[in-house]
């Protein structure tokens, strides 16, 4: 069974885009980094899919690991722009004007990170970033995945790999954990949940 074909009642749309941190083209995107050498019209994240449906806000990635990299990039960029506490960061990442329950989001992240909402975030601390990405994925995707999916929707090994890549501890040119590739519509190459195994569906950690 292909991941994209799972009912929306089981799997959030952002996961179908391999974007578990819900990095959008607008919203948290508006404060995203810009690299004119990479894309004259704005920034392209590593692993960003060449196919983007018109009007679709979530950015599509070719693998969920790259979606986590984008989440790390966004948080680190916001931190460098002065949004350096959980409260400040979440108000940019998930603002109330985008129909988010921002205060509840802050409470959940603070509890998971074991920090108050106004403590400084250390975005150079790998353990802190790993904990942050776990809880962002859980908030964005929902608290309870189907029984055949990992506890945090994305396998722990892939979350850790994405965090390390996003922090520059692994090159974005590095090979991802091996997984088969299939031809998809629109002439692009993509992966199914079932075929790339641990990328989205591997054994519960």
Protein backbone atom coordinates (compact mmCIF):
# COMPACT_ATOMS: atom_id res chain seq x y z
CA UNK A 1 0.00 0.00 0.00
CA UNK A 2 1.27 3.42 -0.89
CA UNK A 3 1.49 5.98 1.90
CA UNK A 4 -0.17 8.68 -0.18
CA UNK A 5 -3.24 6.48 -0.56
CA UNK A 6 -3.89 6.17 3.17
CA UNK A 7 -7.07 7.95 4.30
CA UNK A 8 -6.63 11.50 5.57
CA UNK A 9 -8.42 10.37 8.71
CA UNK A 10 -5.40 8.15 9.48
CA UNK A 11 -2.47 10.23 8.27
CA UNK A 12 -2.09 14.04 8.24
CA UNK A 13 -1.59 15.67 4.87
CA UNK A 14 1.79 17.10 5.85
CA UNK A 15 3.16 13.56 6.18
CA UNK A 16 1.98 12.79 2.68
CA UNK A 17 4.24 15.70 1.70
CA UNK A 18 7.13 14.18 3.75
CA UNK A 19 6.92 17.36 5.82
CA UNK A 20 6.35 16.22 9.44
CA UNK A 21 7.38 19.60 10.91
CA UNK A 22 4.80 21.45 8.78
CA UNK A 23 7.15 23.93 7.14
CA UNK A 24 4.95 26.06 4.91
CA UNK A 25 5.53 28.37 1.96
CA UNK A 26 3.81 31.00 4.09
CA UNK A 27 3.33 31.23 7.83
CA UNK A 28 6.63 30.04 9.33
CA UNK A 29 8.03 30.32 5.79
CA UNK A 30 7.81 34.14 5.81
CA UNK A 31 10.73 34.31 8.23
CA UNK A 32 12.65 31.53 6.50
CA UNK A 33 16.19 31.86 5.19
CA UNK A 34 16.89 33.16 1.69
CA UNK A 35 19.73 32.02 -0.53
CA UNK A 36 19.65 33.88 -3.84
CA UNK A 37 22.40 31.66 -5.28
CA UNK A 38 20.25 28.58 -4.72
CA UNK A 39 16.98 30.05 -5.92
CA UNK A 40 16.62 33.64 -7.22
CA UNK A 41 12.99 33.68 -6.07
CA UNK A 42 13.74 32.45 -2.55
CA UNK A 43 15.22 29.60 -0.57
CA UNK A 44 15.05 25.94 -1.52
CA UNK A 45 15.54 23.52 1.31
CA UNK A 46 17.68 20.43 0.77
CA UNK A 47 15.55 17.57 -0.53
CA UNK A 48 12.70 19.83 -1.57
CA UNK A 49 10.52 18.12 -4.17
CA UNK A 50 10.37 19.63 -7.64
CA UNK A 51 6.63 18.99 -7.71
CA UNK A 52 4.48 21.46 -5.78
CA UNK A 53 0.72 21.53 -6.26
CA UNK A 54 -0.62 25.01 -7.04
CA UNK A 55 -2.11 26.60 -3.94
CA UNK A 56 -0.58 23.99 -1.63
CA UNK A 57 1.01 25.53 1.46
CA UNK A 58 3.08 22.66 2.90
CA UNK A 59 6.41 22.30 1.12
CA UNK A 60 6.87 18.85 -0.38
CA UNK A 61 10.07 16.91 0.28
CA UNK A 62 11.38 13.74 -1.30
CA UNK A 63 11.92 12.16 2.12
CA UNK A 64 10.71 12.88 5.64
CA UNK A 65 14.31 13.32 6.80
CA UNK A 66 14.52 16.46 4.67
CA UNK A 67 11.27 17.68 6.19
CA UNK A 68 12.95 17.44 9.59
CA UNK A 69 16.03 19.24 8.24
CA UNK A 70 13.71 22.07 7.17
CA UNK A 71 12.19 22.19 10.65
CA UNK A 72 15.66 22.48 12.19
CA UNK A 73 16.68 25.15 9.68
CA UNK A 74 13.55 27.16 10.43
CA UNK A 75 13.99 27.01 14.20
CA UNK A 76 17.68 27.93 13.95
CA UNK A 77 16.92 30.80 11.59
CA UNK A 78 14.22 32.15 13.89
CA UNK A 79 16.64 31.85 16.82
CA UNK A 80 19.23 33.90 14.95
CA UNK A 81 16.58 36.52 14.15
CA UNK A 82 15.92 37.03 17.87
CA UNK A 83 13.06 34.54 18.39
CA UNK A 84 15.24 32.71 20.88
CA UNK A 85 12.80 31.41 23.47
CA UNK A 86 10.09 28.80 23.11
CA UNK A 87 7.40 31.47 23.35
CA UNK A 88 8.94 33.78 20.77
CA UNK A 89 9.78 30.94 18.41
CA UNK A 90 6.36 29.28 18.52
CA UNK A 91 4.58 32.61 17.98
CA UNK A 92 6.47 32.79 14.69
CA UNK A 93 6.41 29.09 13.84
CA UNK A 94 2.70 28.58 14.60
CA UNK A 95 1.11 32.04 14.87
CA UNK A 96 -2.49 32.41 16.10
CA UNK A 97 -3.50 34.20 12.89
CA UNK A 98 -2.96 30.88 11.10
CA UNK A 99 -5.67 29.30 13.31
CA UNK A 100 -3.16 27.73 15.69
CA UNK A 101 -3.72 27.33 19.42
CA UNK A 102 -0.34 28.97 19.95
CA UNK A 103 -0.48 29.16 23.75
CA UNK A 104 -1.30 25.45 24.01
CA UNK A 105 1.51 24.69 21.54
CA UNK A 106 3.90 26.62 23.80
CA UNK A 107 2.74 24.67 26.87
CA UNK A 108 3.29 21.31 25.16
CA UNK A 109 6.73 22.26 23.80
CA UNK A 110 7.84 23.72 27.15
CA UNK A 111 6.81 20.58 29.01
CA UNK A 112 8.58 18.29 26.52
CA UNK A 113 11.72 20.44 26.50
CA UNK A 114 11.63 20.75 30.32
CA UNK A 115 12.06 24.51 30.00
CA UNK A 116 9.92 27.51 30.82
CA UNK A 117 8.45 29.29 27.83
CA UNK A 118 10.79 32.27 28.29
CA UNK A 119 14.09 30.43 28.75
CA UNK A 120 16.63 30.79 25.97
CA UNK A 121 16.72 27.93 23.46
CA UNK A 122 20.13 26.44 22.79
CA UNK A 123 19.92 25.56 19.10
CA UNK A 124 23.50 24.23 19.19
CA UNK A 125 22.54 21.51 21.66
CA UNK A 126 21.79 18.34 19.70
CA UNK A 127 19.77 16.73 22.50
CA UNK A 128 17.66 19.88 22.88
CA UNK A 129 16.99 20.07 19.15
CA UNK A 130 16.10 16.38 19.02
CA UNK A 131 13.57 16.83 21.83
CA UNK A 132 12.19 19.93 20.10
CA UNK A 133 11.73 18.20 16.74
CA UNK A 134 10.02 15.24 18.41
CA UNK A 135 7.43 17.45 20.07
CA UNK A 136 6.91 19.66 17.00
CA UNK A 137 6.18 16.54 14.93
CA UNK A 138 3.80 15.27 17.61
CA UNK A 139 1.92 18.59 17.79
CA UNK A 140 1.76 19.04 14.02
CA UNK A 141 0.82 15.45 13.18
CA UNK A 142 -1.26 14.59 16.23
CA UNK A 143 -0.62 12.73 19.49
CA UNK A 144 -1.63 9.22 18.42
CA UNK A 145 -0.53 7.68 15.11
CA UNK A 146 -2.07 4.47 13.79
CA UNK A 147 -0.70 1.33 15.42
CA UNK A 148 1.41 0.41 12.38
CA UNK A 149 3.28 3.73 12.41
CA UNK A 150 6.09 4.77 14.78
CA UNK A 151 5.21 6.33 18.10
CA UNK A 152 6.31 9.79 16.88
CA UNK A 153 5.01 9.23 13.32
CA UNK A 154 8.59 9.25 11.99
CA UNK A 155 11.08 6.64 13.23
CA UNK A 156 13.48 7.82 15.90
CA UNK A 157 16.51 7.08 13.73
CA UNK A 158 15.21 9.33 10.96
CA UNK A 159 14.41 12.16 13.38
CA UNK A 160 17.96 11.95 14.77
CA UNK A 161 19.45 11.83 11.26
CA UNK A 162 17.42 14.87 10.18
CA UNK A 163 18.40 16.84 13.29
CA UNK A 164 22.09 16.11 12.76
CA UNK A 165 21.84 17.06 9.10
CA UNK A 166 19.94 20.25 9.93
CA UNK A 167 22.59 21.21 12.49
CA UNK A 168 25.38 20.67 9.96
CA UNK A 169 26.76 17.63 11.76
CA UNK A 170 26.01 15.56 8.64
CA UNK A 171 26.39 17.03 5.17
CA UNK A 172 23.16 17.60 3.26
CA UNK A 173 24.94 15.81 0.41
CA UNK A 174 25.36 12.70 2.54
CA UNK A 175 23.54 9.56 1.49
CA UNK A 176 20.35 8.87 3.39
CA UNK A 177 19.74 5.46 4.92
CA UNK A 178 19.16 3.13 1.94
CA UNK A 179 15.64 2.81 0.64
CA UNK A 180 14.24 1.79 -2.77
CA UNK A 181 13.17 4.36 -5.35
CA UNK A 182 10.16 4.12 -7.63
CA UNK A 183 8.86 6.18 -10.52
CA UNK A 184 5.96 8.44 -9.59
CA UNK A 185 3.53 10.53 -11.69
CA UNK A 186 4.60 13.88 -13.18
CA UNK A 187 7.98 12.45 -14.15
CA UNK A 188 9.51 12.72 -10.69
CA UNK A 189 11.06 10.12 -8.44
CA UNK A 190 9.58 9.54 -5.02
CA UNK A 191 9.12 6.87 -2.39
CA UNK A 192 6.22 5.05 -0.81
CA UNK A 193 5.77 4.54 2.90
CA UNK A 194 5.86 0.78 2.58
CA UNK A 195 8.93 0.68 0.35
CA UNK A 196 11.21 3.06 2.18
CA UNK A 197 10.43 1.28 5.40
CA UNK A 198 11.97 2.99 8.38
CA UNK A 199 11.80 6.45 6.81
CA UNK A 200 8.18 6.78 7.90
CA UNK A 201 6.87 3.42 8.94
CA UNK A 202 9.64 1.38 10.53
CA UNK A 203 9.37 -0.48 13.81
CA UNK A 204 8.31 1.45 16.86
CA UNK A 205 11.37 2.69 18.74
